[in-house]
Amino acid sequence: MPTLMPRDDDNTPIPAVTLKPGGAHEIAVTAGASARNATPFGAGTRVVSLYATQPVYIRLGDAAVTADTMDHFFPAGVYYDVAISNVKTTHYAHIAARAVADAGMLYISEKE
């Protein structure tokens, strides 16, 4: 798979961020209701990677965040990195998801 990461002198990709130990989450999604990660993202997490088995709507927020059909569309079968924190914005601790139609899973990996 091609990468856009920086490379060292041996042309080996250098990861810009690493997977956080214990930072894997999964959310079962349905079209009838919003669901969110039960365990908040760590304070040091700046990026999360997402992968959905079905198209979903997503929203970042706090422990009360919910997703609905007016939120961001995220397609199935795409592995994508999303920033959840930077020096100028609030750190988001949760992500909510709602399936567009069919039930599925949203897989989330925290990166530091």
PDB file of N, CA and C in Angstrom:
ATOM      1  N   MET A   1       0.848  -1.170   0.000  1.00  0.00           N
ATOM      2  CA  MET A   1       0.000   0.000   0.000  1.00  0.00           C
ATOM      3  C   MET A   1       0.896   1.236   0.000  1.00  0.00           C
ATOM      4  N   PRO A   2       0.636   2.210  -0.860  1.00  0.00           N
ATOM      5  CA  PRO A   2       1.464   3.409  -0.901  1.00  0.00           C
ATOM      6  C   PRO A   2       1.287   4.231   0.376  1.00  0.00           C
ATOM      7  N   THR A   3       2.321   4.986   0.706  1.00  0.00           N
ATOM      8  CA  THR A   3       2.278   5.830   1.902  1.00  0.00           C
ATOM      9  C   THR A   3       2.811   7.216   1.579  1.00  0.00           C
ATOM     10  N   LEU A   4       2.327   8.208   2.304  1.00  0.00           N
ATOM     11  CA  LEU A   4       2.822   9.571   2.154  1.00  0.00           C
ATOM     12  C   LEU A   4       3.636   9.988   3.370  1.00  0.00           C
ATOM     13  N   MET A   5       3.994   9.014   4.206  1.00  0.00           N
ATOM     14  CA  MET A   5       4.781   9.315   5.396  1.00  0.00           C
ATOM     15  C   MET A   5       6.207   9.664   5.001  1.00  0.00           C
ATOM     16  N   PRO A   6       6.900  10.442   5.869  1.00  0.00           N
ATOM     17  CA  PRO A   6       8.311  10.704   5.595  1.00  0.00           C
ATOM     18  C   PRO A   6       9.098   9.405   5.616  1.00  0.00           C
ATOM     19  N   ARG A   7      10.239   9.396   4.923  1.00  0.00           N
ATOM     20  CA  ARG A   7      11.063   8.183   4.829  1.00  0.00           C
ATOM     21  C   ARG A   7      12.462   8.449   5.355  1.00  0.00           C
ATOM     22  N   ASP A   8      13.087   7.404   5.923  1.00  0.00           N
ATOM     23  CA  ASP A   8      14.456   7.536   6.411  1.00  0.00           C
ATOM     24  C   ASP A   8      15.439   7.290   5.274  1.00  0.00           C
ATOM     25  N   ASP A   9      16.734   7.227   5.602  1.00  0.00           N
ATOM     26  CA  ASP A   9      17.771   7.051   4.587  1.00  0.00           C
ATOM     27  C   ASP A   9      17.682   5.715   3.859  1.00  0.00           C
ATOM     28  N   ASP A  10      17.018   4.733   4.460  1.00  0.00           N
ATOM     29  CA  ASP A  10      16.826   3.438   3.804  1.00  0.00           C
ATOM     30  C   ASP A  10      15.491   3.370   3.067  1.00  0.00           C
ATOM     31  N   ASN A  11      14.836   4.516   2.916  1.00  0.00           N
ATOM     32  CA  ASN A  11      13.553   4.629   2.238  1.00  0.00           C
ATOM     33  C   ASN A  11      12.423   3.894   2.988  1.00  0.00           C
ATOM     34  N   THR A  12      12.573   3.731   4.296  1.00  0.00           N
ATOM     35  CA  THR A  12      11.555   3.103   5.125  1.00  0.00           C
ATOM     36  C   THR A  12      10.654   4.188   5.688  1.00  0.00           C
ATOM     37  N   PRO A  13       9.315   4.012   5.585  1.00  0.00           N
ATOM     38  CA  PRO A  13       8.414   5.030   6.130  1.00  0.00           C
ATOM     39  C   PRO A  13       8.622   5.230   7.626  1.00  0.00           C
ATOM     40  N   ILE A  14       8.605   6.487   8.046  1.00  0.00           N
ATOM     41  CA  ILE A  14       8.713   6.847   9.457  1.00  0.00           C
ATOM     42  C   ILE A  14       7.304   7.225   9.919  1.00  0.00           C
ATOM     43  N   PRO A  15       6.716   6.480  10.849  1.00  0.00           N
ATOM     44  CA  PRO A  15       5.361   6.822  11.292  1.00  0.00           C
ATOM     45  C   PRO A  15       5.317   8.196  11.947  1.00  0.00           C
ATOM     46  N   ALA A  16       4.379   9.012  11.529  1.00  0.00           N
ATOM     47  CA  ALA A  16       4.226  10.341  12.107  1.00  0.00           C
ATOM     48  C   ALA A  16       3.604  10.233  13.496  1.00  0.00           C
ATOM     49  N   VAL A  17       2.763   9.251  13.698  1.00  0.00           N
ATOM     50  CA  VAL A  17       2.150   8.966  14.989  1.00  0.00           C
ATOM     51  C   VAL A  17       2.107   7.456  15.153  1.00  0.00           C
ATOM     52  N   THR A  18       2.011   6.990  16.391  1.00  0.00           N
ATOM     53  CA  THR A  18       1.974   5.551  16.637  1.00  0.00           C
ATOM     54  C   THR A  18       0.647   5.148  17.251  1.00  0.00           C
ATOM     55  N   LEU A  19       0.300   3.880  17.079  1.00  0.00           N
ATOM     56  CA  LEU A  19      -0.903   3.353  17.705  1.00  0.00           C
ATOM     57  C   LEU A  19      -0.711   3.339  19.211  1.00  0.00           C
ATOM     58  N   LYS A  20      -1.715   3.794  19.937  1.00  0.00           N
ATOM     59  CA  LYS A  20      -1.644   3.855  21.394  1.00  0.00           C
ATOM     60  C   LYS A  20      -2.004   2.503  21.988  1.00  0.00           C
ATOM     61  N   PRO A  21      -1.150   1.928  22.821  1.00  0.00           N
ATOM     62  CA  PRO A  21      -1.510   0.671  23.491  1.00  0.00           C
ATOM     63  C   PRO A  21      -2.802   0.851  24.291  1.00  0.00           C
ATOM     64  N   GLY A  22      -3.732  -0.070  24.129  1.00  0.00           N
ATOM     65  CA  GLY A  22      -5.018   0.024  24.817  1.00  0.00           C
ATOM     66  C   GLY A  22      -5.958   1.054  24.221  1.00  0.00           C
ATOM     67  N   GLY A  23      -5.624   1.593  23.066  1.00  0.00           N
ATOM     68  CA  GLY A  23      -6.425   2.656  22.455  1.00  0.00           C
ATOM     69  C   GLY A  23      -7.330   2.207  21.335  1.00  0.00           C
ATOM     70  N   ALA A  24      -7.670   0.927  21.290  1.00  0.00           N
ATOM     71  CA  ALA A  24      -8.596   0.429  20.265  1.00  0.00           C
ATOM     72  C   ALA A  24     -10.021   0.485  20.800  1.00  0.00           C
ATOM     73  N   HIS A  25     -10.929   0.977  19.967  1.00  0.00           N
ATOM     74  CA  HIS A  25     -12.338   1.082  20.333  1.00  0.00           C
ATOM     75  C   HIS A  25     -13.173   0.522  19.187  1.00  0.00           C
ATOM     76  N   GLU A  26     -14.354   0.074  19.509  1.00  0.00           N
ATOM     77  CA  GLU A  26     -15.310  -0.291  18.463  1.00  0.00           C
ATOM     78  C   GLU A  26     -16.696   0.116  18.929  1.00  0.00           C
ATOM     79  N   ILE A  27     -17.487   0.566  17.967  1.00  0.00           N
ATOM     80  CA  ILE A  27     -18.851   1.004  18.247  1.00  0.00           C
ATOM     81  C   ILE A  27     -19.778   0.249  17.308  1.00  0.00           C
ATOM     82  N   ALA A  28     -20.760  -0.451  17.872  1.00  0.00           N
ATOM     83  CA  ALA A  28     -21.806  -1.077  17.064  1.00  0.00           C
ATOM     84  C   ALA A  28     -22.787   0.025  16.669  1.00  0.00           C
ATOM     85  N   VAL A  29     -23.041   0.162  15.365  1.00  0.00           N
ATOM     86  CA  VAL A  29     -23.904   1.239  14.878  1.00  0.00           C
ATOM     87  C   VAL A  29     -25.165   0.679  14.235  1.00  0.00           C
ATOM     88  N   THR A  30     -26.253   1.415  14.418  1.00  0.00           N
ATOM     89  CA  THR A  30     -27.523   1.106  13.769  1.00  0.00           C
ATOM     90  C   THR A  30     -28.090   2.403  13.211  1.00  0.00           C
ATOM     91  N   ALA A  31     -29.063   2.288  12.330  1.00  0.00           N
ATOM     92  CA  ALA A  31     -29.691   3.478  11.752  1.00  0.00           C
ATOM     93  C   ALA A  31     -30.678   4.106  12.727  1.00  0.00           C
ATOM     94  N   GLY A  32     -31.112   3.359  13.723  1.00  0.00           N
ATOM     95  CA  GLY A  32     -32.144   3.852  14.623  1.00  0.00           C
ATOM     96  C   GLY A  32     -31.661   4.681  15.786  1.00  0.00           C
ATOM     97  N   ALA A  33     -30.357   4.643  16.097  1.00  0.00           N
ATOM     98  CA  ALA A  33     -29.880   5.355  17.280  1.00  0.00           C
ATOM     99  C   ALA A  33     -28.402   5.691  17.158  1.00  0.00           C
ATOM    100  N   SER A  34     -28.011   6.703  17.901  1.00  0.00           N
ATOM    101  CA  SER A  34     -26.612   7.100  17.973  1.00  0.00           C
ATOM    102  C   SER A  34     -25.909   6.280  19.053  1.00  0.00           C
ATOM    103  N   ALA A  35     -24.628   5.982  18.825  1.00  0.00           N
ATOM    104  CA  ALA A  35     -23.813   5.289  19.825  1.00  0.00           C
ATOM    105  C   ALA A  35     -22.461   5.980  19.869  1.00  0.00           C
ATOM    106  N   ARG A  36     -21.762   5.888  21.015  1.00  0.00           N
ATOM    107  CA  ARG A  36     -20.442   6.529  21.145  1.00  0.00           C
ATOM    108  C   ARG A  36     -19.494   5.626  21.918  1.00  0.00           C
ATOM    109  N   ASN A  37     -18.208   5.938  21.826  1.00  0.00           N
ATOM    110  CA  ASN A  37     -17.210   5.174  22.574  1.00  0.00           C
ATOM    111  C   ASN A  37     -17.430   5.393  24.069  1.00  0.00           C
ATOM    112  N   ALA A  38     -17.473   4.299  24.813  1.00  0.00           N
ATOM    113  CA  ALA A  38     -17.723   4.367  26.258  1.00  0.00           C
ATOM    114  C   ALA A  38     -16.514   4.899  27.002  1.00  0.00           C
ATOM    115  N   THR A  39     -15.322   4.500  26.582  1.00  0.00           N
ATOM    116  CA  THR A  39     -14.086   4.945  27.215  1.00  0.00           C
ATOM    117  C   THR A  39     -13.575   6.170  26.465  1.00  0.00           C
ATOM    118  N   PRO A  40     -13.356   7.284  27.154  1.00  0.00           N
ATOM    119  CA  PRO A  40     -12.876   8.481  26.460  1.00  0.00           C
ATOM    120  C   PRO A  40     -11.479   8.293  25.879  1.00  0.00           C
ATOM    121  N   PHE A  41     -11.194   9.030  24.824  1.00  0.00           N
ATOM    122  CA  PHE A  41      -9.860   9.039  24.250  1.00  0.00           C
ATOM    123  C   PHE A  41      -8.902   9.654  25.264  1.00  0.00           C
ATOM    124  N   GLY A  42      -7.660   9.187  25.276  1.00  0.00           N
ATOM    125  CA  GLY A  42      -6.658   9.694  26.204  1.00  0.00           C
ATOM    126  C   GLY A  42      -6.319  11.149  25.946  1.00  0.00           C
ATOM    127  N   ALA A  43      -5.885  11.835  26.990  1.00  0.00           N
ATOM    128  CA  ALA A  43      -5.536  13.254  26.881  1.00  0.00           C
ATOM    129  C   ALA A  43      -4.399  13.489  25.888  1.00  0.00           C
ATOM    130  N   GLY A  44      -3.514  12.512  25.709  1.00  0.00           N
ATOM    131  CA  GLY A  44      -2.399  12.650  24.782  1.00  0.00           C
ATOM    132  C   GLY A  44      -2.733  12.264  23.353  1.00  0.00           C
ATOM    133  N   THR A  45      -3.928  11.750  23.121  1.00  0.00           N
ATOM    134  CA  THR A  45      -4.324  11.336  21.770  1.00  0.00           C
ATOM    135  C   THR A  45      -4.641  12.566  20.935  1.00  0.00           C
ATOM    136  N   ARG A  46      -3.995  12.666  19.795  1.00  0.00           N
ATOM    137  CA  ARG A  46      -4.222  13.797  18.895  1.00  0.00           C
ATOM    138  C   ARG A  46      -4.942  13.390  17.620  1.00  0.00           C
ATOM    139  N   VAL A  47      -4.847  12.106  17.274  1.00  0.00           N
ATOM    140  CA  VAL A  47      -5.423  11.603  16.033  1.00  0.00           C
ATOM    141  C   VAL A  47      -6.090  10.268  16.314  1.00  0.00           C
ATOM    142  N   VAL A  48      -7.234  10.026  15.663  1.00  0.00           N
ATOM    143  CA  VAL A  48      -7.848   8.699  15.685  1.00  0.00           C
ATOM    144  C   VAL A  48      -8.003   8.241  14.246  1.00  0.00           C
ATOM    145  N   SER A  49      -7.825   6.950  14.044  1.00  0.00           N
ATOM    146  CA  SER A  49      -8.074   6.351  12.734  1.00  0.00           C
ATOM    147  C   SER A  49      -9.426   5.673  12.786  1.00  0.00           C
ATOM    148  N   LEU A  50     -10.194   5.830  11.720  1.00  0.00           N
ATOM    149  CA  LEU A  50     -11.539   5.282  11.651  1.00  0.00           C
ATOM    150  C   LEU A  50     -11.653   4.292  10.501  1.00  0.00           C
ATOM    151  N   TYR A  51     -12.458   3.261  10.721  1.00  0.00           N
ATOM    152  CA  TYR A  51     -12.813   2.311   9.670  1.00  0.00           C
ATOM    153  C   TYR A  51     -14.238   1.838   9.972  1.00  0.00           C
ATOM    154  N   ALA A  52     -15.134   1.987   9.015  1.00  0.00           N
ATOM    155  CA  ALA A  52     -16.533   1.583   9.192  1.00  0.00           C
ATOM    156  C   ALA A  52     -16.884   0.458   8.231  1.00  0.00           C
ATOM    157  N   THR A  53     -17.643  -0.521   8.728  1.00  0.00           N
ATOM    158  CA  THR A  53     -18.084  -1.620   7.867  1.00  0.00           C
ATOM    159  C   THR A  53     -19.332  -1.248   7.072  1.00  0.00           C
ATOM    160  N   GLN A  54     -20.023  -0.207   7.486  1.00  0.00           N
ATOM    161  CA  GLN A  54     -21.186   0.339   6.793  1.00  0.00           C
ATOM    162  C   GLN A  54     -21.070   1.860   6.814  1.00  0.00           C
ATOM    163  N   PRO A  55     -21.673   2.568   5.859  1.00  0.00           N
ATOM    164  CA  PRO A  55     -21.624   4.032   5.914  1.00  0.00           C
ATOM    165  C   PRO A  55     -22.259   4.547   7.210  1.00  0.00           C
ATOM    166  N   VAL A  56     -21.635   5.570   7.801  1.00  0.00           N
ATOM    167  CA  VAL A  56     -22.121   6.129   9.057  1.00  0.00           C
ATOM    168  C   VAL A  56     -22.065   7.653   9.023  1.00  0.00           C
ATOM    169  N   TYR A  57     -22.807   8.259   9.944  1.00  0.00           N
ATOM    170  CA  TYR A  57     -22.685   9.681  10.243  1.00  0.00           C
ATOM    171  C   TYR A  57     -21.895   9.775  11.542  1.00  0.00           C
ATOM    172  N   ILE A  58     -20.965  10.730  11.632  1.00  0.00           N
ATOM    173  CA  ILE A  58     -20.133  10.839  12.830  1.00  0.00           C
ATOM    174  C   ILE A  58     -20.104  12.271  13.349  1.00  0.00           C
ATOM    175  N   ARG A  59     -19.872  12.384  14.664  1.00  0.00           N
ATOM    176  CA  ARG A  59     -19.684  13.690  15.307  1.00  0.00           C
ATOM    177  C   ARG A  59     -18.726  13.511  16.485  1.00  0.00           C
ATOM    178  N   LEU A  60     -17.774  14.426  16.618  1.00  0.00           N
ATOM    179  CA  LEU A  60     -16.856  14.447  17.750  1.00  0.00           C
ATOM    180  C   LEU A  60     -17.446  15.312  18.855  1.00  0.00           C
ATOM    181  N   GLY A  61     -17.131  14.978  20.125  1.00  0.00           N
ATOM    182  CA  GLY A  61     -17.629  15.794  21.221  1.00  0.00           C
ATOM    183  C   GLY A  61     -17.249  15.246  22.572  1.00  0.00           C
ATOM    184  N   ASP A  62     -18.089  15.562  23.570  1.00  0.00           N
ATOM    185  CA  ASP A  62     -17.846  15.127  24.939  1.00  0.00           C
ATOM    186  C   ASP A  62     -18.660  13.870  25.235  1.00  0.00           C
ATOM    187  N   ALA A  63     -18.794  13.531  26.502  1.00  0.00           N
ATOM    188  CA  ALA A  63     -19.472  12.295  26.900  1.00  0.00           C
ATOM    189  C   ALA A  63     -20.957  12.275  26.557  1.00  0.00           C
ATOM    190  N   ALA A  64     -21.516  13.404  26.170  1.00  0.00           N
ATOM    191  CA  ALA A  64     -22.932  13.470  25.810  1.00  0.00           C
ATOM    192  C   ALA A  64     -23.164  13.583  24.294  1.00  0.00           C
ATOM    193  N   VAL A  65     -22.107  13.511  23.495  1.00  0.00           N
ATOM    194  CA  VAL A  65     -22.241  13.708  22.047  1.00  0.00           C
ATOM    195  C   VAL A  65     -23.131  12.638  21.414  1.00  0.00           C
ATOM    196  N   THR A  66     -23.946  13.058  20.450  1.00  0.00           N
ATOM    197  CA  THR A  66     -24.762  12.132  19.665  1.00  0.00           C
ATOM    198  C   THR A  66     -24.593  12.484  18.188  1.00  0.00           C
ATOM    199  N   ALA A  67     -24.816  11.504  17.333  1.00  0.00           N
ATOM    200  CA  ALA A  67     -24.734  11.714  15.887  1.00  0.00           C
ATOM    201  C   ALA A  67     -26.126  11.559  15.288  1.00  0.00           C
ATOM    202  N   ASP A  68     -26.409  12.371  14.274  1.00  0.00           N
ATOM    203  CA  ASP A  68     -27.672  12.217  13.552  1.00  0.00           C
ATOM    204  C   ASP A  68     -27.417  12.368  12.053  1.00  0.00           C
ATOM    205  N   THR A  69     -28.470  12.353  11.290  1.00  0.00           N
ATOM    206  CA  THR A  69     -28.340  12.328   9.831  1.00  0.00           C
ATOM    207  C   THR A  69     -27.847  13.643   9.232  1.00  0.00           C
ATOM    208  N   MET A  70     -27.697  14.669  10.034  1.00  0.00           N
ATOM    209  CA  MET A  70     -27.170  15.944   9.542  1.00  0.00           C
ATOM    210  C   MET A  70     -25.669  16.088   9.831  1.00  0.00           C
ATOM    211  N   ASP A  71     -25.055  15.062  10.447  1.00  0.00           N
ATOM    212  CA  ASP A  71     -23.636  15.121  10.773  1.00  0.00           C
ATOM    213  C   ASP A  71     -22.779  14.632   9.607  1.00  0.00           C
ATOM    214  N   HIS A  72     -21.475  14.571   9.838  1.00  0.00           N
ATOM    215  CA  HIS A  72     -20.530  14.223   8.776  1.00  0.00           C
ATOM    216  C   HIS A  72     -20.736  12.785   8.309  1.00  0.00           C
ATOM    217  N   PHE A  73     -20.820  12.621   7.002  1.00  0.00           N
ATOM    218  CA  PHE A  73     -20.930  11.293   6.395  1.00  0.00           C
ATOM    219  C   PHE A  73     -19.545  10.670   6.316  1.00  0.00           C
ATOM    220  N   PHE A  74     -19.459   9.410   6.713  1.00  0.00           N
ATOM    221  CA  PHE A  74     -18.206   8.663   6.612  1.00  0.00           C
ATOM    222  C   PHE A  74     -18.509   7.363   5.883  1.00  0.00           C
ATOM    223  N   PRO A  75     -17.854   7.100   4.741  1.00  0.00           N
ATOM    224  CA  PRO A  75     -18.165   5.917   3.948  1.00  0.00           C
ATOM    225  C   PRO A  75     -17.608   4.624   4.545  1.00  0.00           C
ATOM    226  N   ALA A  76     -18.166   3.528   4.125  1.00  0.00           N
ATOM    227  CA  ALA A  76     -17.670   2.205   4.539  1.00  0.00           C
ATOM    228  C   ALA A  76     -16.403   1.865   3.762  1.00  0.00           C
ATOM    229  N   GLY A  77     -15.552   1.051   4.394  1.00  0.00           N
ATOM    230  CA  GLY A  77     -14.393   0.505   3.698  1.00  0.00           C
ATOM    231  C   GLY A  77     -13.238   1.460   3.497  1.00  0.00           C
ATOM    232  N   VAL A  78     -13.223   2.581   4.218  1.00  0.00           N
ATOM    233  CA  VAL A  78     -12.155   3.569   4.089  1.00  0.00           C
ATOM    234  C   VAL A  78     -11.450   3.677   5.437  1.00  0.00           C
ATOM    235  N   TYR A  79     -10.128   3.621   5.432  1.00  0.00           N
ATOM    236  CA  TYR A  79      -9.329   3.826   6.642  1.00  0.00           C
ATOM    237  C   TYR A  79      -8.870   5.271   6.601  1.00  0.00           C
ATOM    238  N   TYR A  80      -9.240   6.061   7.625  1.00  0.00           N
ATOM    239  CA  TYR A  80      -9.025   7.505   7.562  1.00  0.00           C
ATOM    240  C   TYR A  80      -8.592   8.042   8.920  1.00  0.00           C
ATOM    241  N   ASP A  81      -7.630   8.948   8.933  1.00  0.00           N
ATOM    242  CA  ASP A  81      -7.172   9.601  10.160  1.00  0.00           C
ATOM    243  C   ASP A  81      -7.902  10.923  10.351  1.00  0.00           C
ATOM    244  N   VAL A  82      -8.342  11.164  11.602  1.00  0.00           N
ATOM    245  CA  VAL A  82      -9.051  12.388  11.955  1.00  0.00           C
ATOM    246  C   VAL A  82      -8.371  13.009  13.166  1.00  0.00           C
ATOM    247  N   ALA A  83      -8.039  14.306  13.086  1.00  0.00           N
ATOM    248  CA  ALA A  83      -7.466  15.010  14.232  1.00  0.00           C
ATOM    249  C   ALA A  83      -8.570  15.271  15.251  1.00  0.00           C
ATOM    250  N   ILE A  84      -8.288  14.950  16.526  1.00  0.00           N
ATOM    251  CA  ILE A  84      -9.263  15.218  17.579  1.00  0.00           C
ATOM    252  C   ILE A  84      -8.749  16.285  18.548  1.00  0.00           C
ATOM    253  N   SER A  85      -7.543  16.782  18.306  1.00  0.00           N
ATOM    254  CA  SER A  85      -6.955  17.763  19.202  1.00  0.00           C
ATOM    255  C   SER A  85      -5.817  18.472  18.499  1.00  0.00           C
ATOM    256  N   ASN A  86      -5.672  19.729  18.830  1.00  0.00           N
ATOM    257  CA  ASN A  86      -4.460  20.460  18.451  1.00  0.00           C
ATOM    258  C   ASN A  86      -4.310  21.619  19.420  1.00  0.00           C
ATOM    259  N   VAL A  87      -3.319  22.425  19.261  1.00  0.00           N
ATOM    260  CA  VAL A  87      -3.043  23.471  20.249  1.00  0.00           C
ATOM    261  C   VAL A  87      -4.093  24.578  20.260  1.00  0.00           C
ATOM    262  N   LYS A  88      -4.905  24.682  19.235  1.00  0.00           N
ATOM    263  CA  LYS A  88      -5.864  25.787  19.155  1.00  0.00           C
ATOM    264  C   LYS A  88      -7.308  25.377  19.431  1.00  0.00           C
ATOM    265  N   THR A  89      -7.590  24.093  19.536  1.00  0.00           N
ATOM    266  CA  THR A  89      -8.976  23.672  19.734  1.00  0.00           C
ATOM    267  C   THR A  89      -9.111  22.768  20.948  1.00  0.00           C
ATOM    268  N   THR A  90     -10.335  22.551  21.321  1.00  0.00           N
ATOM    269  CA  THR A  90     -10.642  21.648  22.420  1.00  0.00           C
ATOM    270  C   THR A  90     -10.294  20.214  22.035  1.00  0.00           C
ATOM    271  N   HIS A  91      -9.867  19.442  23.014  1.00  0.00           N
ATOM    272  CA  HIS A  91      -9.605  18.023  22.812  1.00  0.00           C
ATOM    273  C   HIS A  91     -10.932  17.274  22.894  1.00  0.00           C
ATOM    274  N   TYR A  92     -11.287  16.560  21.835  1.00  0.00           N
ATOM    275  CA  TYR A  92     -12.515  15.761  21.839  1.00  0.00           C
ATOM    276  C   TYR A  92     -12.228  14.395  22.452  1.00  0.00           C
ATOM    277  N   ALA A  93     -13.050  13.972  23.385  1.00  0.00           N
ATOM    278  CA  ALA A  93     -12.831  12.708  24.082  1.00  0.00           C
ATOM    279  C   ALA A  93     -13.715  11.582  23.562  1.00  0.00           C
ATOM    280  N   HIS A  94     -14.709  11.922  22.752  1.00  0.00           N
ATOM    281  CA  HIS A  94     -15.651  10.903  22.280  1.00  0.00           C
ATOM    282  C   HIS A  94     -16.004  11.137  20.817  1.00  0.00           C
ATOM    283  N   ILE A  95     -16.449  10.056  20.183  1.00  0.00           N
ATOM    284  CA  ILE A  95     -17.005  10.133  18.840  1.00  0.00           C
ATOM    285  C   ILE A  95     -18.320   9.372  18.864  1.00  0.00           C
ATOM    286  N   ALA A  96     -19.330   9.972  18.262  1.00  0.00           N
ATOM    287  CA  ALA A  96     -20.634   9.324  18.153  1.00  0.00           C
ATOM    288  C   ALA A  96     -20.840   8.928  16.700  1.00  0.00           C
ATOM    289  N   ALA A  97     -21.548   7.832  16.492  1.00  0.00           N
ATOM    290  CA  ALA A  97     -21.802   7.343  15.136  1.00  0.00           C
ATOM    291  C   ALA A  97     -23.219   6.798  15.039  1.00  0.00           C
ATOM    292  N   ARG A  98     -23.751   6.896  13.837  1.00  0.00           N
ATOM    293  CA  ARG A  98     -25.089   6.374  13.534  1.00  0.00           C
ATOM    294  C   ARG A  98     -25.028   5.815  12.121  1.00  0.00           C
ATOM    295  N   ALA A  99     -25.500   4.602  11.922  1.00  0.00           N
ATOM    296  CA  ALA A  99     -25.466   3.986  10.591  1.00  0.00           C
ATOM    297  C   ALA A  99     -26.416   4.724   9.648  1.00  0.00           C
ATOM    298  N   VAL A 100     -26.037   4.803   8.396  1.00  0.00           N
ATOM    299  CA  VAL A 100     -26.901   5.399   7.379  1.00  0.00           C
ATOM    300  C   VAL A 100     -28.101   4.497   7.124  1.00  0.00           C
ATOM    301  N   ALA A 101     -27.878   3.191   6.978  1.00  0.00           N
ATOM    302  CA  ALA A 101     -28.974   2.251   6.724  1.00  0.00           C
ATOM    303  C   ALA A 101     -28.760   0.950   7.486  1.00  0.00           C
ATOM    304  N   ASP A 102     -27.801   0.152   7.035  1.00  0.00           N
ATOM    305  CA  ASP A 102     -27.575  -1.164   7.628  1.00  0.00           C
ATOM    306  C   ASP A 102     -26.677  -1.081   8.864  1.00  0.00           C
ATOM    307  N   ALA A 103     -26.935  -1.940   9.836  1.00  0.00           N
ATOM    308  CA  ALA A 103     -26.113  -2.008  11.043  1.00  0.00           C
ATOM    309  C   ALA A 103     -24.698  -2.438  10.686  1.00  0.00           C
ATOM    310  N   GLY A 104     -23.742  -2.000  11.488  1.00  0.00           N
ATOM    311  CA  GLY A 104     -22.350  -2.359  11.246  1.00  0.00           C
ATOM    312  C   GLY A 104     -21.492  -1.977  12.434  1.00  0.00           C
ATOM    313  N   MET A 105     -20.197  -1.852  12.176  1.00  0.00           N
ATOM    314  CA  MET A 105     -19.229  -1.516  13.218  1.00  0.00           C
ATOM    315  C   MET A 105     -18.380  -0.330  12.768  1.00  0.00           C
ATOM    316  N   LEU A 106     -18.045   0.525  13.721  1.00  0.00           N
ATOM    317  CA  LEU A 106     -17.064   1.572  13.512  1.00  0.00           C
ATOM    318  C   LEU A 106     -15.869   1.222  14.396  1.00  0.00           C
ATOM    319  N   TYR A 107     -14.713   1.046  13.783  1.00  0.00           N
ATOM    320  CA  TYR A 107     -13.488   0.710  14.505  1.00  0.00           C
ATOM    321  C   TYR A 107     -12.642   1.973  14.622  1.00  0.00           C
ATOM    322  N   ILE A 108     -12.099   2.208  15.803  1.00  0.00           N
ATOM    323  CA  ILE A 108     -11.363   3.431  16.092  1.00  0.00           C
ATOM    324  C   ILE A 108     -10.025   3.047  16.735  1.00  0.00           C
ATOM    325  N   SER A 109      -8.958   3.652  16.242  1.00  0.00           N
ATOM    326  CA  SER A 109      -7.631   3.450  16.830  1.00  0.00           C
ATOM    327  C   SER A 109      -7.068   4.800  17.236  1.00  0.00           C
ATOM    328  N   GLU A 110      -6.720   4.929  18.521  1.00  0.00           N
ATOM    329  CA  GLU A 110      -6.083   6.154  19.001  1.00  0.00           C
ATOM    330  C   GLU A 110      -4.618   6.160  18.578  1.00  0.00           C
ATOM    331  N   LYS A 111      -4.117   7.340  18.222  1.00  0.00           N
ATOM    332  CA  LYS A 111      -2.722   7.501  17.850  1.00  0.00           C
ATOM    333  C   LYS A 111      -2.124   8.671  18.620  1.00  0.00           C
ATOM    334  N   GLU A 112      -0.857   8.504  18.994  1.00  0.00           N
ATOM    335  CA  GLU A 112      -0.158   9.560  19.718  1.00  0.00           C
ATOM    336  C   GLU A 112       1.068   9.999  18.948  1.00  0.00           C
TER     337      GLU A 112
END
